[in-house]
Amino acid sequence: MISHCLVRLILRHYPQLKISRVLTRRSIATLADFPAADVLTHSIDDLIDHSDIIVECTGDVGFGTEVIERAFEAGLPVVTINAELQVTTGSYLAGRGLLTEAEGDQPGSLAALREDALRMGFEPLVYGNMKGYLNHNPSRADMEYWSKRQGISLNQTTSFTDGTKVQIEQVVVGNGFGATISRQGLEGLASTDLNRSAEILGMIADGLGQPIVDYVVPSGYPAGGVFLVCRHDVDQAPAIEYFKLGAGPYYVLTRPFHLCSLEVGKTICRVLDGGGVLLNNSTAPTLGVAAIAKRELGIGERIGRGIGGFDVRGEAVRLADSPDHVPIGLLSNAVLKRRLEPGQLVTFDDLELQPSRVLDIVLQQRQKVLEVPATLRLVSDGVR
């Protein structure tokens, strides 16, 4: 859906841009209805040789990483719509070329809202996501029904529903902007009043002495957007109240939509115009997304996939608190060496992972985290 919609958008509304190549792993013969079928290719070399900028929207950590590494070897900037990749290999990649998440998905939308807020003098305390529905352990039958009804893949539907996607998105935002989490898995407030929920989250951030990322599950008002909880200068309070943002000290700025592929063009132009990175996972992350068992898992069982699977779901963790956690984006055909209970955090000692480039990158990044002195890691817990 993302690639089809983005290509249509560029062809019709961005005369200054040209779609030169579209890389696909599918049979080109089955893609006759693609809006730019004449530029489809199976060759990464062909893609790179004919491009000034790459937009990566595979949703696949392994293949996306391979393409981005090749793009960086050629000196090309990359825009992604792939928070799953960002949170798994993005910090490694961010140190090797221009990598930015796009506006449209919630992380990029929060980044754009943050830029607006900073220009108006606001100080962000909470980077918030609005989630319409949450079920930590949905049935396969339900997910197959909703996948077919909504026209998106089964694994996407499942990762959206079980909360993995929102955890990933908020961790990317936290790493990108130096925010932390109040607890493993975030607060995830059930909310009937965004202003009241924002006040609670703002007080939590104040108590930690550091901005936080989190989300709400709205009831009685629309979901699907993003919000910031901010402070401002005390002497601006009368004017801000007149502007209908309330008496403070916490002010809520909202962006009630995120339009995915329809907004990516803004980030492409940003990069081409020299605007630089909107958001990435940073080269020094403090947060990760751990795999949490959804059900009892026995020795010898195989976890076919992590993100969007039925064996595990993702929860945000501080890297300093959970140095042995297995990033959920790493799980693909992993075999259990130990029995796991529902709700248990999966560690590297619990399973056997398949060799891959992604595993090499994750282990390299993990070693960097383990080498940070403990006295410095304590800062992530709010200890000074």
Protein backbone atom coordinates (compact mmCIF):
# COMPACT_ATOMS: atom_id res chain seq x y z
CA MET A 1 0.00 0.00 0.00
CA ILE A 2 2.75 2.47 0.93
CA SER A 3 4.72 2.09 -2.31
CA HIS A 4 1.63 2.21 -4.55
CA CYS A 5 0.28 5.35 -2.87
CA LEU A 6 3.65 7.09 -2.72
CA VAL A 7 4.41 6.49 -6.40
CA ARG A 8 0.97 7.81 -7.41
CA LEU A 9 1.54 10.88 -5.26
CA ILE A 10 4.96 11.66 -6.76
CA LEU A 11 3.77 11.13 -10.33
CA ARG A 12 0.78 13.44 -9.94
CA HIS A 13 1.85 16.10 -7.45
CA TYR A 14 5.67 16.42 -7.45
CA PRO A 15 6.73 17.56 -10.93
CA GLN A 16 10.24 18.29 -9.65
CA LEU A 17 10.77 14.62 -8.77
CA LYS A 18 11.09 11.55 -10.97
CA ILE A 19 10.52 7.92 -10.03
CA SER A 20 13.57 6.33 -11.66
CA ARG A 21 13.44 2.78 -10.29
CA VAL A 22 11.30 0.74 -7.88
CA LEU A 23 13.00 -2.27 -6.32
CA THR A 24 10.79 -5.28 -5.65
CA ARG A 25 11.29 -8.90 -4.67
CA ARG A 26 7.98 -9.93 -6.21
CA SER A 27 7.59 -11.29 -9.72
CA ILE A 28 7.38 -8.25 -11.99
CA ALA A 29 4.90 -10.13 -14.17
CA THR A 30 2.40 -10.05 -11.29
CA LEU A 31 2.66 -6.25 -10.88
CA ALA A 32 1.09 -5.02 -14.12
CA ASP A 33 -1.23 -2.74 -12.10
CA PHE A 34 1.66 -0.96 -10.36
CA PRO A 35 1.45 2.78 -11.16
CA ALA A 36 5.01 2.84 -12.56
CA ALA A 37 5.41 -0.71 -13.82
CA ASP A 38 8.01 0.31 -16.40
CA VAL A 39 10.60 1.14 -13.73
CA LEU A 40 10.29 -2.00 -11.61
CA THR A 41 13.54 -3.89 -11.02
CA HIS A 42 14.94 -6.80 -9.05
CA SER A 43 18.44 -5.33 -9.00
CA ILE A 44 19.76 -3.25 -6.10
CA ASP A 45 22.58 -2.10 -8.39
CA ASP A 46 20.04 -0.89 -10.95
CA LEU A 47 18.16 0.99 -8.25
CA ILE A 48 21.27 2.70 -6.89
CA ASP A 49 22.75 3.52 -10.31
CA HIS A 50 19.64 5.47 -11.29
CA SER A 51 18.84 7.27 -8.01
CA ASP A 52 19.76 10.44 -6.13
CA ILE A 53 17.80 9.42 -3.03
CA ILE A 54 16.31 6.12 -1.84
CA VAL A 55 12.95 5.71 -0.10
CA GLU A 56 12.91 2.43 1.85
CA CYS A 57 9.42 1.20 2.71
CA THR A 58 9.75 -2.57 2.84
CA GLY A 59 8.72 -3.01 6.47
CA ASP A 60 11.41 -5.72 6.50
CA VAL A 61 14.40 -5.36 8.81
CA GLY A 62 16.79 -7.68 6.96
CA PHE A 63 16.15 -6.63 3.38
CA GLY A 64 15.81 -2.97 4.33
CA THR A 65 19.19 -3.07 6.08
CA GLU A 66 20.83 -4.66 3.04
CA VAL A 67 19.47 -1.98 0.70
CA ILE A 68 20.42 0.90 3.01
CA GLU A 69 23.99 -0.37 3.46
CA ARG A 70 24.35 -0.56 -0.31
CA ALA A 71 22.90 2.93 -0.71
CA PHE A 72 25.36 4.35 1.82
CA GLU A 73 28.27 2.68 0.00
CA ALA A 74 27.18 4.74 -3.01
CA GLY A 75 26.84 7.92 -0.94
CA LEU A 76 23.05 8.16 -1.29
CA PRO A 77 20.73 9.50 1.43
CA VAL A 78 17.87 7.28 2.58
CA VAL A 79 14.35 8.13 3.77
CA THR A 80 12.61 5.27 5.57
CA ILE A 81 9.05 4.43 6.51
CA ASN A 82 10.22 1.55 8.64
CA ALA A 83 10.32 2.10 12.40
CA GLU A 84 10.93 -1.65 12.82
CA LEU A 85 14.25 -1.29 11.00
CA GLN A 86 15.13 1.92 12.84
CA VAL A 87 14.79 0.29 16.25
CA THR A 88 16.77 -2.82 15.22
CA THR A 89 19.65 -1.70 13.00
CA GLY A 90 18.93 2.02 12.65
CA SER A 91 21.50 3.24 15.18
CA TYR A 92 24.28 1.39 13.38
CA LEU A 93 23.11 2.70 10.01
CA ALA A 94 22.67 6.27 11.27
CA GLY A 95 26.41 6.43 11.84
CA ARG A 96 27.15 5.54 8.23
CA GLY A 97 25.02 7.87 6.14
CA LEU A 98 22.03 10.18 6.07
CA LEU A 99 19.12 8.10 7.37
CA THR A 100 15.85 9.68 8.36
CA GLU A 101 12.36 8.48 9.17
CA ALA A 102 9.66 10.18 7.10
CA GLU A 103 6.68 12.22 8.12
CA GLY A 104 3.48 10.26 7.83
CA ASP A 105 3.94 7.44 10.28
CA GLN A 106 3.59 8.48 13.94
CA PRO A 107 7.33 8.89 14.71
CA GLY A 108 7.85 11.26 11.80
CA SER A 109 4.63 13.10 12.63
CA LEU A 110 5.83 13.58 16.21
CA ALA A 111 9.17 14.84 14.92
CA ALA A 112 7.44 17.40 12.71
CA LEU A 113 5.17 18.51 15.56
CA ARG A 114 8.24 18.86 17.79
CA GLU A 115 9.93 21.14 15.25
CA ASP A 116 6.84 23.37 15.19
CA ALA A 117 6.68 23.39 19.00
CA LEU A 118 10.33 24.35 19.40
CA ARG A 119 9.95 27.21 16.94
CA MET A 120 7.13 28.55 19.11
CA GLY A 121 9.21 28.33 22.27
CA PHE A 122 7.58 25.24 23.79
CA GLU A 123 9.63 22.69 25.73
CA PRO A 124 8.42 19.11 25.05
CA LEU A 125 8.00 16.93 28.14
CA VAL A 126 5.96 14.07 26.66
CA TYR A 127 5.97 12.65 23.14
CA GLY A 128 2.59 10.97 22.87
CA ASN A 129 0.95 8.52 20.51
CA MET A 130 -2.79 7.82 20.27
CA LYS A 131 -3.68 4.14 19.86
CA GLY A 132 -7.19 3.16 18.84
CA TYR A 133 -7.23 -0.46 20.02
CA LEU A 134 -5.08 -2.78 22.11
CA ASN A 135 -5.19 -6.54 22.70
CA HIS A 136 -1.90 -8.03 23.85
CA ASN A 137 -2.74 -11.54 22.68
CA PRO A 138 -5.23 -11.54 19.79
CA SER A 139 -6.30 -14.78 18.15
CA ARG A 140 -5.07 -15.74 14.72
CA ALA A 141 -8.66 -16.00 13.46
CA ASP A 142 -9.43 -12.42 14.52
CA MET A 143 -6.23 -11.13 12.95
CA GLU A 144 -6.91 -12.96 9.68
CA TYR A 145 -10.38 -11.40 9.57
CA TRP A 146 -9.10 -7.86 10.17
CA SER A 147 -6.16 -8.34 7.83
CA LYS A 148 -8.49 -9.25 5.00
CA ARG A 149 -10.98 -6.51 5.87
CA GLN A 150 -8.36 -3.73 6.06
CA GLY A 151 -6.26 -4.92 3.15
CA ILE A 152 -2.97 -5.10 5.06
CA SER A 153 -0.77 -8.06 5.89
CA LEU A 154 -1.46 -10.45 8.76
CA ASN A 155 1.78 -9.57 10.55
CA GLN A 156 1.10 -5.82 10.27
CA THR A 157 -2.41 -6.27 11.62
CA THR A 158 -1.10 -8.32 14.53
CA SER A 159 1.74 -5.94 15.44
CA PHE A 160 -0.69 -3.01 15.41
CA THR A 161 -3.19 -4.86 17.60
CA ASP A 162 -0.88 -6.41 20.22
CA GLY A 163 0.90 -3.11 20.90
CA THR A 164 4.26 -4.02 19.38
CA LYS A 165 4.07 -1.30 16.74
CA VAL A 166 3.36 1.54 19.18
CA GLN A 167 6.19 0.37 21.45
CA ILE A 168 8.59 0.40 18.50
CA GLU A 169 7.43 3.80 17.31
CA GLN A 170 7.79 5.42 20.71
CA VAL A 171 11.24 3.94 21.31
CA VAL A 172 12.48 5.42 18.03
CA VAL A 173 11.15 8.82 19.11
CA GLY A 174 12.70 8.47 22.56
CA ASN A 175 16.10 7.56 21.18
CA GLY A 176 15.95 10.28 18.56
CA PHE A 177 15.13 13.06 20.99
CA GLY A 178 16.77 11.94 24.24
CA ALA A 179 13.55 10.95 26.00
CA THR A 180 13.10 7.97 28.29
CA ILE A 181 10.27 5.74 29.55
CA SER A 182 8.62 5.72 32.95
CA ARG A 183 8.47 1.92 33.09
CA GLN A 184 8.85 -1.16 30.88
CA GLY A 185 6.03 -1.28 28.36
CA LEU A 186 5.05 2.38 28.89
CA GLU A 187 2.03 3.68 30.83
CA GLY A 188 -0.49 3.33 28.00
CA LEU A 189 -3.21 5.29 29.77
CA ALA A 190 -6.84 4.53 29.06
CA SER A 191 -8.07 8.03 28.30
CA THR A 192 -11.42 9.79 28.10
CA ASP A 193 -9.90 13.27 28.33
CA LEU A 194 -6.60 13.96 26.56
CA ASN A 195 -5.89 17.07 28.62
CA ARG A 196 -6.24 15.12 31.88
CA SER A 197 -4.12 12.23 30.58
CA ALA A 198 -1.53 14.70 29.33
CA GLU A 199 -1.35 16.31 32.75
CA ILE A 200 -0.66 12.92 34.37
CA LEU A 201 2.06 12.12 31.85
CA GLY A 202 3.55 15.60 32.25
CA MET A 203 3.79 15.11 36.01
CA ILE A 204 5.50 11.74 35.46
CA ALA A 205 8.06 13.38 33.18
CA ASP A 206 8.65 16.13 35.72
CA GLY A 207 9.15 13.51 38.42
CA LEU A 208 11.80 11.76 36.32
CA GLY A 209 13.48 15.03 35.38
CA GLN A 210 13.56 13.97 31.73
CA PRO A 211 11.15 13.96 28.77
CA ILE A 212 9.31 10.69 28.22
CA VAL A 213 7.59 8.83 25.41
CA ASP A 214 4.24 7.17 25.97
CA TYR A 215 0.79 6.62 24.50
CA VAL A 216 -2.90 6.78 25.35
CA VAL A 217 -5.83 4.59 24.33
CA PRO A 218 -8.63 7.11 23.70
CA SER A 219 -12.30 6.52 24.41
CA GLY A 220 -14.79 9.20 23.44
CA TYR A 221 -12.42 11.12 21.18
CA PRO A 222 -10.64 10.15 17.96
CA ALA A 223 -7.44 8.13 17.93
CA GLY A 224 -4.85 7.97 15.18
CA GLY A 225 -2.89 11.15 15.81
CA VAL A 226 0.01 12.28 17.97
CA PHE A 227 0.46 14.84 20.71
CA LEU A 228 3.05 16.69 22.77
CA VAL A 229 2.82 17.77 26.39
CA CYS A 230 4.88 20.93 26.77
CA ARG A 231 5.91 23.72 29.07
CA HIS A 232 6.42 27.36 28.13
CA ASP A 233 7.78 30.52 29.72
CA VAL A 234 5.76 31.61 32.76
CA ASP A 235 5.34 35.14 31.46
CA GLN A 236 3.69 33.75 28.30
CA ALA A 237 0.96 31.98 30.31
CA PRO A 238 -1.73 34.73 29.97
CA ALA A 239 -1.30 34.85 26.19
CA ILE A 240 -1.30 31.06 25.83
CA GLU A 241 -4.48 30.79 27.90
CA TYR A 242 -6.06 33.45 25.67
CA PHE A 243 -5.05 31.29 22.69
CA LYS A 244 -7.20 28.52 24.20
CA LEU A 245 -4.47 26.13 25.35
CA GLY A 246 -5.45 26.42 29.01
CA ALA A 247 -3.86 27.87 32.12
CA GLY A 248 -0.80 25.59 32.12
CA PRO A 249 1.70 24.63 33.29
CA TYR A 250 1.19 21.73 30.86
CA TYR A 251 0.10 22.56 27.32
CA VAL A 252 -1.09 19.95 24.82
CA LEU A 253 -0.28 20.29 21.14
CA THR A 254 -1.96 17.76 18.87
CA ARG A 255 -1.67 16.58 15.32
CA PRO A 256 -4.91 14.63 14.86
CA PHE A 257 -3.84 12.69 11.76
CA HIS A 258 -0.95 10.83 10.18
CA LEU A 259 -1.33 10.14 6.49
CA CYS A 260 1.55 7.74 5.91
CA SER A 261 2.52 7.71 2.22
CA LEU A 262 0.84 11.05 1.47
CA GLU A 263 3.33 12.85 3.71
CA VAL A 264 6.55 11.14 2.68
CA GLY A 265 7.10 13.59 -0.17
CA LYS A 266 7.66 16.37 2.37
CA THR A 267 10.61 14.49 3.88
CA ILE A 268 12.07 13.64 0.47
CA CYS A 269 12.08 17.34 -0.41
CA ARG A 270 13.47 18.21 3.02
CA VAL A 271 16.51 16.01 2.43
CA LEU A 272 17.04 17.11 -1.17
CA ASP A 273 16.83 20.75 -0.07
CA GLY A 274 19.54 20.23 2.55
CA GLY A 275 17.22 20.08 5.55
CA GLY A 276 18.91 17.01 7.02
CA VAL A 277 17.55 14.35 9.34
CA LEU A 278 14.02 14.66 10.68
CA LEU A 279 14.32 11.65 13.02
CA ASN A 280 16.29 8.45 13.40
CA ASN A 281 17.13 6.05 16.23
CA SER A 282 20.33 8.03 17.05
CA THR A 283 23.82 6.59 17.20
CA ALA A 284 23.64 6.27 21.01
CA PRO A 285 20.25 4.77 21.89
CA THR A 286 19.13 4.25 25.49
CA LEU A 287 15.90 2.37 24.74
CA GLY A 288 15.04 -0.87 22.97
CA VAL A 289 12.06 -3.11 22.28
CA ALA A 290 12.25 -6.50 23.98
CA ALA A 291 10.41 -9.67 22.98
CA ILE A 292 7.84 -10.80 25.57
CA ALA A 293 6.32 -14.30 25.44
CA LYS A 294 2.61 -14.26 24.63
CA ARG A 295 2.10 -17.89 25.62
CA GLU A 296 3.98 -20.77 27.18
CA LEU A 297 6.85 -21.70 24.88
CA GLY A 298 8.66 -25.04 25.19
CA ILE A 299 12.21 -26.17 24.50
CA GLY A 300 12.69 -26.79 20.78
CA GLU A 301 9.79 -24.61 19.66
CA ARG A 302 10.49 -22.27 16.78
CA ILE A 303 9.56 -18.59 16.79
CA GLY A 304 8.90 -17.94 13.13
CA ARG A 305 8.71 -14.18 13.44
CA GLY A 306 8.86 -11.65 16.24
CA ILE A 307 7.10 -8.50 15.03
CA GLY A 308 3.54 -9.42 14.15
CA GLY A 309 3.77 -13.04 15.24
CA PHE A 310 1.70 -15.07 17.70
CA ASP A 311 4.50 -16.19 20.02
CA VAL A 312 5.88 -12.87 21.29
CA ARG A 313 5.04 -9.17 21.38
CA GLY A 314 7.22 -6.11 21.96
CA GLU A 315 7.71 -3.93 25.03
CA ALA A 316 9.87 -0.84 25.43
CA VAL A 317 12.79 -1.29 27.84
CA ARG A 318 15.76 0.74 29.02
CA LEU A 319 18.91 -0.82 27.61
CA ALA A 320 20.67 -0.32 30.95
CA ASP A 321 17.95 -2.26 32.77
CA SER A 322 17.67 -5.15 30.30
CA PRO A 323 21.06 -5.62 28.61
CA ASP A 324 20.34 -9.29 27.80
CA HIS A 325 16.97 -8.78 26.10
CA VAL A 326 16.53 -9.99 22.54
CA PRO A 327 15.33 -7.14 20.28
CA ILE A 328 12.02 -8.26 18.82
CA GLY A 329 13.10 -7.18 15.34
CA LEU A 330 15.82 -9.84 15.45
CA LEU A 331 13.50 -12.80 15.87
CA SER A 332 13.12 -14.93 12.76
CA ASN A 333 13.10 -18.74 12.89
CA ALA A 334 14.69 -18.77 16.35
CA VAL A 335 14.67 -22.03 18.33
CA LEU A 336 13.97 -22.07 22.07
CA LYS A 337 16.64 -23.54 24.35
CA ARG A 338 14.65 -22.83 27.51
CA ARG A 339 11.01 -22.93 28.51
CA LEU A 340 9.32 -19.53 28.69
CA GLU A 341 6.23 -18.49 30.61
CA PRO A 342 3.63 -16.02 29.32
CA GLY A 343 4.82 -12.48 30.03
CA GLN A 344 8.48 -13.49 30.36
CA LEU A 345 11.15 -11.33 28.71
CA VAL A 346 13.18 -13.26 26.13
CA THR A 347 16.97 -13.15 26.54
CA PHE A 348 19.86 -14.24 24.32
CA ASP A 349 20.40 -17.26 26.57
CA ASP A 350 16.84 -18.47 25.91
CA LEU A 351 17.15 -19.26 22.22
CA GLU A 352 19.32 -20.02 19.25
CA LEU A 353 19.29 -17.33 16.57
CA GLN A 354 19.91 -17.78 12.86
CA PRO A 355 23.11 -16.17 11.55
CA SER A 356 22.41 -12.98 9.63
CA ARG A 357 23.77 -9.53 8.91
CA VAL A 358 21.11 -8.09 11.25
CA LEU A 359 22.32 -10.34 14.09
CA ASP A 360 25.90 -9.21 13.52
CA ILE A 361 24.84 -5.56 13.74
CA VAL A 362 22.70 -6.08 16.85
CA LEU A 363 25.49 -7.94 18.68
CA GLN A 364 27.95 -5.19 17.78
CA GLN A 365 25.58 -2.50 19.09
CA ARG A 366 24.83 -4.57 22.21
CA GLN A 367 28.53 -4.76 23.03
CA LYS A 368 28.79 -0.98 22.86
CA VAL A 369 25.94 -0.66 25.40
CA LEU A 370 27.55 -3.20 27.74
CA GLU A 371 30.81 -1.26 27.66
CA VAL A 372 29.20 1.95 28.99
CA PRO A 373 30.21 2.43 32.67
CA ALA A 374 27.42 1.55 35.10
CA THR A 375 27.60 4.99 36.72
CA LEU A 376 26.63 6.53 33.40
CA ARG A 377 23.90 4.01 32.66
CA LEU A 378 22.18 4.95 35.92
CA VAL A 379 21.22 8.31 34.41
CA SER A 380 18.60 6.52 32.32
CA ASP A 381 16.84 5.57 35.55
CA GLY A 382 16.57 9.18 36.65
CA VAL A 383 19.47 8.79 39.13
CA ARG A 384 21.93 11.67 39.25
